[in-house]
N, C-alpha and C. Protein backbone atom coordinates (compact mmCIF):
# COMPACT_ATOMS: atom_id res chain seq x y z
N MET A 1 43.19 40.82 61.75
CA MET A 1 43.47 42.45 61.39
C MET A 1 42.73 43.34 60.79
N ILE A 2 43.40 44.36 61.77
CA ILE A 2 42.31 45.58 62.52
C ILE A 2 42.63 47.14 61.14
N VAL A 3 41.71 47.40 60.66
CA VAL A 3 41.21 48.05 59.33
C VAL A 3 41.33 49.66 59.77
N ILE A 4 41.96 50.59 59.63
CA ILE A 4 41.61 51.91 60.23
C ILE A 4 41.14 52.54 58.79
N GLY A 5 40.75 53.40 59.50
CA GLY A 5 39.68 54.30 59.07
C GLY A 5 40.63 56.09 59.19
N LEU A 6 41.77 56.36 58.01
CA LEU A 6 42.17 57.94 57.98
C LEU A 6 41.42 58.74 57.90
N THR A 7 41.73 60.14 58.18
CA THR A 7 40.74 61.14 57.64
C THR A 7 41.14 62.63 58.13
N GLY A 8 40.79 62.64 57.48
CA GLY A 8 40.93 64.35 57.84
C GLY A 8 40.73 65.88 57.20
N SER A 9 40.36 67.01 56.75
CA SER A 9 40.08 67.68 56.09
C SER A 9 41.53 68.45 55.43
N ILE A 10 41.42 68.90 54.26
CA ILE A 10 42.28 69.44 53.28
C ILE A 10 43.29 70.29 54.47
N GLY A 11 44.60 69.90 54.15
CA GLY A 11 45.27 70.87 54.80
C GLY A 11 46.12 70.36 56.05
N MET A 12 45.16 68.95 56.81
CA MET A 12 45.04 68.67 58.18
C MET A 12 46.25 68.06 58.51
N GLY A 13 47.13 67.64 57.70
CA GLY A 13 48.18 66.53 57.64
C GLY A 13 47.82 65.28 57.64
N LYS A 14 46.71 65.02 57.35
CA LYS A 14 46.29 63.02 56.75
C LYS A 14 47.35 62.11 56.50
N SER A 15 47.85 62.99 54.41
CA SER A 15 49.15 62.33 54.33
C SER A 15 50.64 62.02 54.33
N ALA A 16 50.87 63.47 55.73
CA ALA A 16 51.68 62.67 56.54
C ALA A 16 51.41 61.97 57.31
N THR A 17 50.22 61.77 58.61
CA THR A 17 49.68 60.92 58.95
C THR A 17 50.26 59.20 58.70
N ALA A 18 49.29 59.28 57.26
CA ALA A 18 49.59 58.09 56.94
C ALA A 18 50.76 57.21 56.89
N ALA A 19 51.72 58.34 56.44
CA ALA A 19 53.16 57.94 56.14
C ALA A 19 53.85 57.39 57.68
N LEU A 20 53.61 57.71 58.54
CA LEU A 20 54.00 57.70 59.49
C LEU A 20 52.85 55.80 60.34
N PHE A 21 52.36 56.14 59.72
CA PHE A 21 51.01 54.73 59.82
C PHE A 21 52.38 53.47 59.04
N ALA A 22 52.54 53.76 58.05
CA ALA A 22 53.44 53.01 57.33
C ALA A 22 54.87 53.12 58.12
N GLU A 23 55.16 53.92 58.18
CA GLU A 23 56.67 53.24 58.89
C GLU A 23 56.62 52.59 60.71
N ALA A 24 55.46 52.61 60.68
CA ALA A 24 55.05 51.41 61.90
C ALA A 24 54.75 50.19 61.80
N GLY A 25 54.80 50.25 60.23
CA GLY A 25 54.41 48.43 59.59
C GLY A 25 52.91 48.69 59.21
N ALA A 26 52.54 49.39 59.71
CA ALA A 26 51.20 49.04 58.94
C ALA A 26 51.07 49.07 57.44
N ALA A 27 50.00 48.42 56.49
CA ALA A 27 49.54 48.12 55.13
C ALA A 27 48.73 50.10 55.31
N VAL A 28 48.92 50.71 54.09
CA VAL A 28 48.04 51.89 53.71
C VAL A 28 48.03 52.60 52.47
N TYR A 29 46.41 52.03 52.49
CA TYR A 29 45.49 52.12 51.07
C TYR A 29 46.02 53.95 51.07
N ASP A 30 46.13 54.45 49.52
CA ASP A 30 46.22 56.34 49.35
C ASP A 30 44.86 56.56 48.77
N ALA A 31 43.75 57.03 48.96
CA ALA A 31 42.82 56.50 47.98
C ALA A 31 43.21 57.71 46.56
N ASP A 32 43.75 58.88 47.44
CA ASP A 32 44.20 60.15 46.38
C ASP A 32 44.75 59.43 44.90
N ALA A 33 45.99 58.25 45.44
CA ALA A 33 47.33 58.01 44.81
C ALA A 33 46.39 57.28 43.70
N GLU A 34 45.22 56.50 44.26
CA GLU A 34 44.37 55.57 43.04
C GLU A 34 43.81 56.35 42.34
N VAL A 35 43.32 57.48 43.04
CA VAL A 35 42.21 58.38 41.52
C VAL A 35 43.39 59.02 40.99
N ARG A 36 44.74 59.61 40.78
CA ARG A 36 45.60 59.22 39.90
C ARG A 36 45.41 59.02 39.47
N ARG A 37 45.65 57.10 39.59
CA ARG A 37 45.98 56.17 38.81
C ARG A 37 44.67 55.54 37.68
N LEU A 38 44.14 56.11 38.17
CA LEU A 38 42.57 55.76 37.33
C LEU A 38 42.48 57.37 36.39
N TYR A 39 43.07 57.87 37.12
CA TYR A 39 42.77 59.50 36.06
C TYR A 39 44.54 59.09 34.88
N GLU A 40 45.00 58.47 35.34
CA GLU A 40 46.82 59.18 34.08
C GLU A 40 46.37 57.86 33.06
N PRO A 41 46.78 58.64 32.06
CA PRO A 41 47.07 57.49 30.70
C PRO A 41 46.63 56.08 30.59
N GLY A 42 45.74 55.75 30.06
CA GLY A 42 45.44 53.84 29.54
C GLY A 42 44.31 53.98 31.28
N GLY A 43 44.30 54.93 33.02
CA GLY A 43 43.80 54.40 33.50
C GLY A 43 42.19 54.22 33.60
N ALA A 44 41.26 53.33 33.80
CA ALA A 44 40.02 52.45 33.93
C ALA A 44 38.97 53.72 34.03
N ALA A 45 39.40 54.85 34.24
CA ALA A 45 38.04 56.14 34.94
C ALA A 45 38.73 57.10 33.53
N VAL A 46 39.33 57.01 32.61
CA VAL A 46 39.70 58.50 31.53
C VAL A 46 38.16 58.39 30.73
N ALA A 47 38.09 57.24 29.72
CA ALA A 47 36.92 57.35 29.09
C ALA A 47 35.62 58.25 29.84
N ALA A 48 34.95 57.28 30.63
CA ALA A 48 34.15 57.11 31.28
C ALA A 48 33.62 59.02 31.62
N VAL A 49 35.40 59.45 32.13
CA VAL A 49 35.24 61.27 32.79
C VAL A 49 34.82 61.54 31.52
N GLU A 50 35.64 61.40 30.40
CA GLU A 50 35.58 62.45 29.52
C GLU A 50 34.49 62.38 28.14
N THR A 51 33.73 60.81 28.80
CA THR A 51 32.33 61.02 28.00
C THR A 51 31.42 62.37 29.01
N ALA A 52 31.57 61.90 30.21
CA ALA A 52 30.37 63.31 30.41
C ALA A 52 31.10 64.81 31.78
N PHE A 53 32.03 64.43 30.98
CA PHE A 53 32.82 66.18 31.15
C PHE A 53 33.61 66.66 29.72
N PRO A 54 32.96 66.38 28.55
CA PRO A 54 33.93 66.49 27.19
C PRO A 54 35.12 67.43 27.97
N GLY A 55 36.17 67.15 26.99
CA GLY A 55 37.46 68.42 27.53
C GLY A 55 37.64 68.54 28.42
N VAL A 56 37.74 67.92 29.14
CA VAL A 56 38.62 67.80 30.58
C VAL A 56 40.05 66.11 30.39
N VAL A 57 40.30 65.89 29.07
CA VAL A 57 41.63 64.80 28.94
C VAL A 57 41.83 65.74 28.03
N ARG A 58 43.23 65.50 28.79
CA ARG A 58 44.27 66.33 28.10
C ARG A 58 45.65 64.80 28.11
N GLU A 59 46.19 65.17 26.43
CA GLU A 59 46.85 64.15 26.80
C GLU A 59 46.82 62.90 27.02
N GLY A 60 45.29 61.87 26.69
CA GLY A 60 45.18 60.56 27.50
C GLY A 60 45.13 61.08 28.72
N ALA A 61 45.67 62.19 29.75
CA ALA A 61 44.80 61.74 30.92
C ALA A 61 43.75 62.89 31.65
N VAL A 62 43.16 62.30 32.50
CA VAL A 62 42.12 63.68 33.32
C VAL A 62 42.75 65.11 33.82
N ASP A 63 42.71 65.85 32.92
CA ASP A 63 43.39 67.29 33.72
C ASP A 63 42.17 67.13 35.24
N ARG A 64 43.09 66.87 36.10
CA ARG A 64 42.07 67.02 37.45
C ARG A 64 42.13 68.48 37.62
N ALA A 65 43.31 69.99 37.64
CA ALA A 65 42.26 70.50 37.64
C ALA A 65 41.28 71.28 37.03
N LEU A 66 41.13 70.93 35.24
CA LEU A 66 39.50 70.92 34.98
C LEU A 66 38.59 70.90 34.73
N LEU A 67 38.65 69.45 35.60
CA LEU A 67 38.28 68.70 36.11
C LEU A 67 37.39 68.82 37.16
N GLY A 68 37.99 69.91 38.12
CA GLY A 68 38.00 70.21 39.76
C GLY A 68 36.39 71.36 39.00
N GLN A 69 37.35 72.38 38.47
CA GLN A 69 36.40 73.50 37.70
C GLN A 69 35.03 73.10 37.20
N ARG A 70 34.73 72.16 36.81
CA ARG A 70 33.59 71.13 36.32
C ARG A 70 32.85 70.95 37.38
N VAL A 71 33.40 70.28 38.42
CA VAL A 71 32.80 70.14 39.69
C VAL A 71 32.34 70.44 41.22
N LEU A 72 33.22 71.59 40.84
CA LEU A 72 33.69 72.27 42.39
C LEU A 72 31.91 72.48 42.92
N GLY A 73 31.53 72.84 43.96
CA GLY A 73 30.36 73.88 43.48
C GLY A 73 29.53 73.27 43.18
N ASP A 74 29.09 72.54 42.11
CA ASP A 74 28.87 71.64 41.63
C ASP A 74 27.72 70.48 42.36
N PRO A 75 26.71 70.47 43.20
CA PRO A 75 26.69 68.58 43.33
C PRO A 75 26.64 67.80 42.50
N GLU A 76 25.09 68.12 41.40
CA GLU A 76 25.04 67.33 40.06
C GLU A 76 26.17 66.98 39.89
N ALA A 77 26.92 67.61 39.39
CA ALA A 77 28.59 67.33 39.03
C ALA A 77 29.17 66.28 39.50
N LEU A 78 29.32 67.01 40.56
CA LEU A 78 29.51 65.81 42.00
C LEU A 78 29.62 64.27 41.78
N GLY A 79 27.85 64.32 41.99
CA GLY A 79 27.79 63.00 41.82
C GLY A 79 27.21 62.23 40.51
N ARG A 80 28.11 62.69 39.85
CA ARG A 80 27.47 62.05 38.63
C ARG A 80 29.02 61.85 38.44
N LEU A 81 30.48 62.38 38.80
CA LEU A 81 31.62 61.74 38.96
C LEU A 81 31.94 61.16 39.73
N ASN A 82 30.95 60.96 41.53
CA ASN A 82 31.44 60.11 41.83
C ASN A 82 30.64 58.25 41.93
N ALA A 83 29.85 58.53 40.83
CA ALA A 83 29.19 57.37 41.18
C ALA A 83 29.95 56.97 39.46
N ILE A 84 31.05 57.39 38.70
CA ILE A 84 32.08 57.03 37.89
C ILE A 84 33.13 56.46 38.61
N VAL A 85 33.44 57.08 39.20
CA VAL A 85 35.17 56.82 40.65
C VAL A 85 35.05 55.99 41.52
N TRP A 86 33.62 56.19 42.02
CA TRP A 86 33.62 55.35 43.25
C TRP A 86 33.23 54.25 43.49
N PRO A 87 32.26 53.40 42.65
CA PRO A 87 33.18 51.66 42.42
C PRO A 87 34.03 51.31 42.14
N MET A 88 34.95 51.93 41.08
CA MET A 88 36.58 51.51 40.53
C MET A 88 37.56 51.48 42.17
N MET A 89 36.86 52.64 43.16
CA MET A 89 38.06 53.34 43.94
C MET A 89 37.11 51.56 45.02
N ARG A 90 35.88 51.13 45.39
CA ARG A 90 35.71 50.19 45.85
C ARG A 90 36.32 48.68 45.52
N GLN A 91 36.33 48.68 44.58
CA GLN A 91 37.32 47.35 43.68
C GLN A 91 38.79 47.66 44.16
N ALA A 92 39.29 48.29 44.22
CA ALA A 92 40.25 48.37 44.66
C ALA A 92 41.19 48.44 45.91
N ARG A 93 39.58 49.07 46.27
CA ARG A 93 40.27 48.85 48.12
C ARG A 93 39.89 47.48 48.74
N ALA A 94 38.89 46.68 48.11
CA ALA A 94 38.78 45.40 48.22
C ALA A 94 39.95 44.53 47.55
N ALA A 95 40.50 45.02 46.76
CA ALA A 95 41.92 43.74 46.66
C ALA A 95 42.51 44.63 47.13
N PHE A 96 43.20 45.69 48.19
CA PHE A 96 43.83 46.28 48.61
C PHE A 96 44.23 45.12 50.59
N LEU A 97 42.55 45.31 50.71
CA LEU A 97 42.42 44.41 51.82
C LEU A 97 42.98 43.02 51.70
N ALA A 98 41.87 42.59 50.84
CA ALA A 98 42.76 40.49 50.80
C ALA A 98 43.65 40.32 50.65
N GLU A 99 44.90 42.00 49.72
CA GLU A 99 46.22 41.12 49.58
C GLU A 99 47.28 41.68 51.01
N ALA A 100 46.32 43.03 51.98
CA ALA A 100 46.68 43.16 53.31
C ALA A 100 46.83 42.16 54.15
N GLU A 101 45.52 41.13 54.32
CA GLU A 101 45.18 40.42 54.89
C GLU A 101 46.30 38.59 54.62
N ALA A 102 45.95 39.17 53.37
CA ALA A 102 47.07 37.78 52.98
C ALA A 102 48.48 37.91 53.55
N SER A 103 48.52 38.42 53.33
CA SER A 103 50.54 39.34 53.96
C SER A 103 50.57 39.08 55.37
N GLY A 104 49.60 38.87 56.06
CA GLY A 104 49.51 38.82 57.32
C GLY A 104 49.82 40.43 58.24
N ALA A 105 49.67 41.53 57.46
CA ALA A 105 49.53 42.58 58.46
C ALA A 105 48.97 42.91 59.36
N PRO A 106 49.20 43.00 60.26
CA PRO A 106 48.30 43.39 61.79
C PRO A 106 47.92 45.17 61.88
N PHE A 107 47.73 45.58 60.41
CA PHE A 107 46.93 46.61 60.49
C PHE A 107 46.76 47.13 59.46
N ALA A 108 45.85 47.48 58.83
CA ALA A 108 45.44 48.64 57.37
C ALA A 108 44.87 49.87 57.11
N VAL A 109 45.19 50.62 56.45
CA VAL A 109 45.33 51.66 57.07
C VAL A 109 44.54 52.60 55.47
N LEU A 110 43.02 52.48 55.64
CA LEU A 110 42.23 53.33 54.74
C LEU A 110 42.81 54.79 54.17
N ASP A 111 43.08 55.75 53.18
CA ASP A 111 43.72 56.52 53.80
C ASP A 111 42.55 57.42 53.10
N VAL A 112 41.49 58.34 53.75
CA VAL A 112 40.18 58.27 52.48
C VAL A 112 40.22 59.79 52.65
N PRO A 113 40.04 60.93 52.14
CA PRO A 113 39.92 62.50 52.33
C PRO A 113 38.35 62.40 53.41
N LEU A 114 37.44 61.73 52.26
CA LEU A 114 35.72 61.66 52.68
C LEU A 114 35.57 60.27 52.87
N LEU A 115 36.12 59.85 53.67
CA LEU A 115 36.11 58.55 54.79
C LEU A 115 34.30 58.65 55.43
N LEU A 116 34.32 60.13 55.85
CA LEU A 116 33.41 60.40 57.24
C LEU A 116 31.98 60.75 55.97
N GLU A 117 32.25 61.69 54.63
CA GLU A 117 31.77 62.13 53.75
C GLU A 117 30.44 60.93 53.62
N THR A 118 31.36 59.62 52.52
CA THR A 118 30.38 58.77 52.23
C THR A 118 30.42 57.51 52.71
N GLY A 119 30.23 57.90 54.29
CA GLY A 119 29.45 56.44 55.00
C GLY A 119 31.23 55.33 55.35
N GLY A 120 31.66 55.37 55.11
CA GLY A 120 32.96 54.38 54.11
C GLY A 120 33.51 54.28 56.17
N GLU A 121 33.49 54.71 57.15
CA GLU A 121 33.36 54.54 58.42
C GLU A 121 32.68 53.06 58.70
N ARG A 122 31.23 52.72 58.23
CA ARG A 122 31.12 51.64 58.37
C ARG A 122 31.69 49.88 57.77
N ALA A 123 32.86 50.29 57.05
CA ALA A 123 33.71 49.46 56.14
C ALA A 123 35.10 49.35 57.34
N VAL A 124 35.15 49.49 58.42
CA VAL A 124 36.46 49.44 59.23
C VAL A 124 35.88 49.96 61.19
N ASP A 125 37.21 49.29 61.40
CA ASP A 125 37.50 49.36 63.02
C ASP A 125 37.33 50.63 63.77
N VAL A 126 37.97 51.15 63.33
CA VAL A 126 38.71 52.42 63.95
C VAL A 126 38.70 53.78 62.90
N VAL A 127 37.90 54.77 63.84
CA VAL A 127 38.37 56.19 62.43
C VAL A 127 39.03 56.75 63.48
N VAL A 128 40.75 57.36 62.67
CA VAL A 128 41.73 58.29 63.18
C VAL A 128 41.35 59.13 62.02
N VAL A 129 41.27 60.86 63.09
CA VAL A 129 41.14 62.20 62.22
C VAL A 129 42.38 62.68 62.16
N ALA A 130 42.76 63.39 61.07
CA ALA A 130 44.10 64.23 61.13
C ALA A 130 43.81 65.21 61.74
N SER A 131 44.12 66.36 62.27
CA SER A 131 42.98 67.85 63.15
C SER A 131 44.56 68.85 63.08
N ALA A 132 44.98 69.32 62.94
CA ALA A 132 45.19 71.28 63.74
C ALA A 132 44.25 72.53 63.59
N PRO A 133 44.99 72.83 64.47
CA PRO A 133 43.69 74.25 64.58
C PRO A 133 44.09 75.30 63.46
N ILE A 134 42.60 75.83 63.09
CA ILE A 134 41.99 76.20 61.37
C ILE A 134 43.50 77.49 61.20
N GLU A 135 44.30 77.95 61.90
CA GLU A 135 45.57 78.75 61.10
C GLU A 135 46.35 78.12 61.09
N ALA A 136 46.31 76.88 61.18
CA ALA A 136 47.31 76.16 60.52
C ALA A 136 47.02 75.06 59.03
N GLN A 137 46.34 75.50 59.07
CA GLN A 137 45.47 74.60 58.08
C GLN A 137 45.34 75.24 57.41
N ARG A 138 44.87 77.43 57.22
CA ARG A 138 44.58 78.03 56.50
C ARG A 138 46.00 77.79 55.88
N ALA A 139 47.43 78.27 56.58
CA ALA A 139 48.35 78.58 56.11
C ALA A 139 49.09 76.95 55.02
N ARG A 140 48.77 76.13 55.05
CA ARG A 140 49.31 75.19 55.17
C ARG A 140 48.52 74.97 53.21
N VAL A 141 47.24 74.94 53.33
CA VAL A 141 46.65 75.49 52.62
C VAL A 141 46.89 76.25 51.01
N LEU A 142 47.06 77.43 51.72
CA LEU A 142 46.96 78.75 51.02
C LEU A 142 49.33 78.92 50.01
N ALA A 143 49.95 78.02 50.74
CA ALA A 143 51.15 77.54 50.82
C ALA A 143 51.39 76.43 49.28
N ARG A 144 49.59 76.11 48.91
CA ARG A 144 50.03 74.91 48.30
C ARG A 144 50.02 76.09 46.71
N PRO A 145 50.52 75.38 45.39
CA PRO A 145 50.23 76.48 44.02
C PRO A 145 49.28 76.20 43.77
N GLY A 146 48.55 77.14 42.94
CA GLY A 146 47.75 77.21 42.46
C GLY A 146 46.09 77.57 43.66
N MET A 147 46.87 77.32 44.36
CA MET A 147 45.29 78.06 45.75
C MET A 147 45.12 79.34 46.29
N SER A 148 44.06 79.69 46.15
CA SER A 148 43.44 80.70 46.52
C SER A 148 42.66 81.21 47.98
N ALA A 149 42.44 81.79 48.33
CA ALA A 149 41.07 82.15 49.65
C ALA A 149 40.32 81.32 48.80
N ALA A 150 39.52 82.02 47.86
CA ALA A 150 38.05 81.21 47.54
C ALA A 150 38.23 79.19 47.38
N LYS A 151 39.35 79.54 46.37
CA LYS A 151 39.42 77.70 46.33
C LYS A 151 38.64 76.91 47.64
N PHE A 152 40.13 77.80 48.56
CA PHE A 152 40.19 76.66 49.72
C PHE A 152 38.81 76.84 50.64
N GLU A 153 37.85 78.09 50.31
CA GLU A 153 36.69 78.48 51.33
C GLU A 153 35.33 76.83 50.52
N ALA A 154 35.25 77.10 49.03
CA ALA A 154 34.68 76.12 48.43
C ALA A 154 35.25 75.02 48.58
N ILE A 155 36.40 74.15 48.73
CA ILE A 155 37.02 72.92 49.48
C ILE A 155 36.35 72.39 50.84
N LEU A 156 36.61 73.18 51.62
CA LEU A 156 35.44 73.30 52.76
C LEU A 156 34.14 72.89 52.96
N ALA A 157 33.30 73.99 51.98
CA ALA A 157 31.90 74.35 52.37
C ALA A 157 31.50 72.81 51.61
N ALA A 158 32.39 71.63 50.81
CA ALA A 158 31.89 70.31 50.87
C ALA A 158 32.41 69.30 51.54
N GLN A 159 33.53 69.56 52.32
CA GLN A 159 33.70 68.50 53.35
C GLN A 159 33.25 68.84 54.42
N MET A 160 32.80 67.18 55.26
CA MET A 160 32.21 67.84 57.00
C MET A 160 33.19 68.76 57.59
N THR A 161 32.84 68.66 59.24
CA THR A 161 33.14 69.69 59.47
C THR A 161 34.59 69.17 60.32
N ASP A 162 35.49 70.05 60.15
CA ASP A 162 36.87 68.85 60.87
C ASP A 162 35.94 69.04 62.51
N ALA A 163 35.41 69.51 63.71
CA ALA A 163 34.75 69.61 64.33
C ALA A 163 33.66 68.68 64.28
N GLU A 164 33.42 68.21 63.01
CA GLU A 164 32.99 66.85 63.57
C GLU A 164 33.32 65.59 63.25
N LYS A 165 34.22 65.97 62.49
CA LYS A 165 35.13 64.57 61.79
C LYS A 165 35.87 64.62 63.60
N ARG A 166 36.17 65.13 63.82
CA ARG A 166 36.89 65.37 65.21
C ARG A 166 35.63 64.40 65.98
N ALA A 167 34.67 64.49 66.29
CA ALA A 167 33.40 64.42 67.21
C ALA A 167 33.41 62.65 66.78
N ARG A 168 33.27 61.78 65.61
CA ARG A 168 32.91 61.47 65.68
C ARG A 168 34.51 60.20 64.86
N ALA A 169 35.16 60.84 65.68
CA ALA A 169 36.63 60.03 65.55
C ALA A 169 36.96 58.82 66.47
N HIS A 170 37.54 58.01 66.85
CA HIS A 170 37.96 57.26 67.72
C HIS A 170 39.33 57.66 68.68
N HIS A 171 39.67 58.25 67.28
CA HIS A 171 41.54 58.74 67.81
C HIS A 171 41.28 59.69 67.14
N VAL A 172 41.91 61.47 67.50
CA VAL A 172 42.46 62.52 67.06
C VAL A 172 44.12 62.68 66.38
N ILE A 173 44.78 62.64 66.07
CA ILE A 173 45.70 63.40 66.14
C ILE A 173 45.70 65.19 65.78
N ASP A 174 46.62 65.36 66.56
CA ASP A 174 47.18 66.61 65.98
C ASP A 174 48.28 66.67 65.43
N THR A 175 48.08 67.10 64.55
CA THR A 175 49.39 67.53 63.59
C THR A 175 50.39 68.73 63.79
N SER A 176 49.85 69.39 64.25
CA SER A 176 50.42 70.94 64.31
C SER A 176 51.33 70.97 65.32
N ARG A 177 52.05 70.01 66.47
CA ARG A 177 53.06 69.68 66.67
C ARG A 177 54.01 69.18 66.25
N GLY A 178 54.97 69.28 65.41
CA GLY A 178 55.87 68.69 64.82
C GLY A 178 55.54 67.54 64.43
N VAL A 179 56.55 66.75 63.47
CA VAL A 179 56.89 64.52 63.29
C VAL A 179 56.92 63.61 64.46
N GLU A 180 57.91 64.54 65.14
CA GLU A 180 58.03 63.54 66.62
C GLU A 180 56.79 63.41 67.20
N ASN A 181 56.22 64.56 67.40
CA ASN A 181 54.67 64.33 68.59
C ASN A 181 54.06 63.85 67.49
N ALA A 182 53.53 63.70 65.96
CA ALA A 182 52.73 63.08 65.70
C ALA A 182 52.80 61.27 65.33
N ARG A 183 54.57 61.55 65.48
CA ARG A 183 54.70 60.21 65.12
C ARG A 183 54.34 59.39 66.70
N ALA A 184 54.69 60.45 67.50
CA ALA A 184 54.53 59.70 68.87
C ALA A 184 52.61 59.11 69.22
N GLN A 185 52.04 59.92 68.47
CA GLN A 185 49.98 59.82 68.56
C GLN A 185 49.99 58.10 67.89
N VAL A 186 50.56 58.46 66.63
CA VAL A 186 50.44 57.06 66.05
C VAL A 186 51.08 55.62 66.81
N THR A 187 52.13 56.18 67.13
CA THR A 187 52.76 54.92 68.34
C THR A 187 51.35 53.90 69.02
N ALA A 188 51.26 55.56 69.90
CA ALA A 188 50.34 54.91 71.17
C ALA A 188 48.97 54.31 70.38
N ILE A 189 48.60 54.90 69.49
CA ILE A 189 47.20 54.21 68.96
C ILE A 189 47.81 53.63 68.66
N LEU A 190 48.24 52.90 67.88
CA LEU A 190 48.60 50.79 67.15
C LEU A 190 48.96 50.44 68.68
N ALA A 191 49.58 51.16 70.08
CA ALA A 191 50.02 50.13 70.48
C ALA A 191 48.80 49.65 71.16
N GLY A 192 47.28 50.40 71.60
CA GLY A 192 46.22 49.93 72.14
C GLY A 192 45.38 49.55 71.70
N LEU A 193 45.80 49.70 69.98
CA LEU A 193 45.17 48.76 69.64
C LEU A 193 45.27 46.85 68.81
N ARG A 194 46.54 46.99 69.32
CA ARG A 194 46.91 45.62 69.31
C ARG A 194 46.48 44.93 70.22
N HIS A 195 45.28 45.21 71.03
CA HIS A 195 44.54 44.19 71.91
C HIS A 195 43.03 44.26 71.32
N ARG A 196 42.85 45.16 70.99
CA ARG A 196 41.49 45.40 70.69
C ARG A 196 40.97 44.37 69.33
N PRO A 197 39.73 43.53 70.00
CA PRO A 197 39.12 42.21 69.28
C PRO A 197 38.69 42.96 67.48
N LYS A 198 38.57 43.06 66.89
CA LYS A 198 38.28 43.29 65.37
C LYS A 198 36.55 43.79 65.29
N GLN A 199 35.72 44.40 64.93
CA GLN A 199 34.46 44.35 65.20
C GLN A 199 33.95 42.76 64.93
N GLY A 200 32.72 42.24 65.44
CA GLY A 200 32.08 41.21 65.22
C GLY A 200 32.56 40.10 66.19
N GLN A 201 33.57 40.06 66.46
CA GLN A 201 34.41 39.35 67.10
C GLN A 201 34.12 39.35 68.61
């Protein structure tokens, strides 16, 4: 099984690209979805997050908007949050990979927004970056409910630049030219990887 690390900055079409990999038969792990599970009522992270950031839990679930206000632009606070969430994420990711391997999946995709920022590329065979011109990125992000230009800039400041991500990728998928074009790029990448040996082999 070849493990693909899929990443991309906010608004770059990473989630849509992950869906195309799933459509092509790859097993896909969605880090954002895992965070939502950890934060929902009964989620494993709820109590610890409330202890670290009192007042961010509403009706038994972590309010991500409130939590974001507490950690965005504050490296120390973000570090405390990551120390809670990341070990849980690693455990869930390991379980996903074991299940994908057991099922005989030829490819497993780890859809992780901060893959490169956290050194996650060391745990994958191939890094794929979803990318688009800054104008398209900005338009997509500012169209989201509750998003402002200032919040967008703060999020960008906390992420590795798109240029650096592209430089560190094995493959870059341009998401600005429509779904069919992106689908063709995904198909080509998987076709090329089918004969690539896994690292260490």
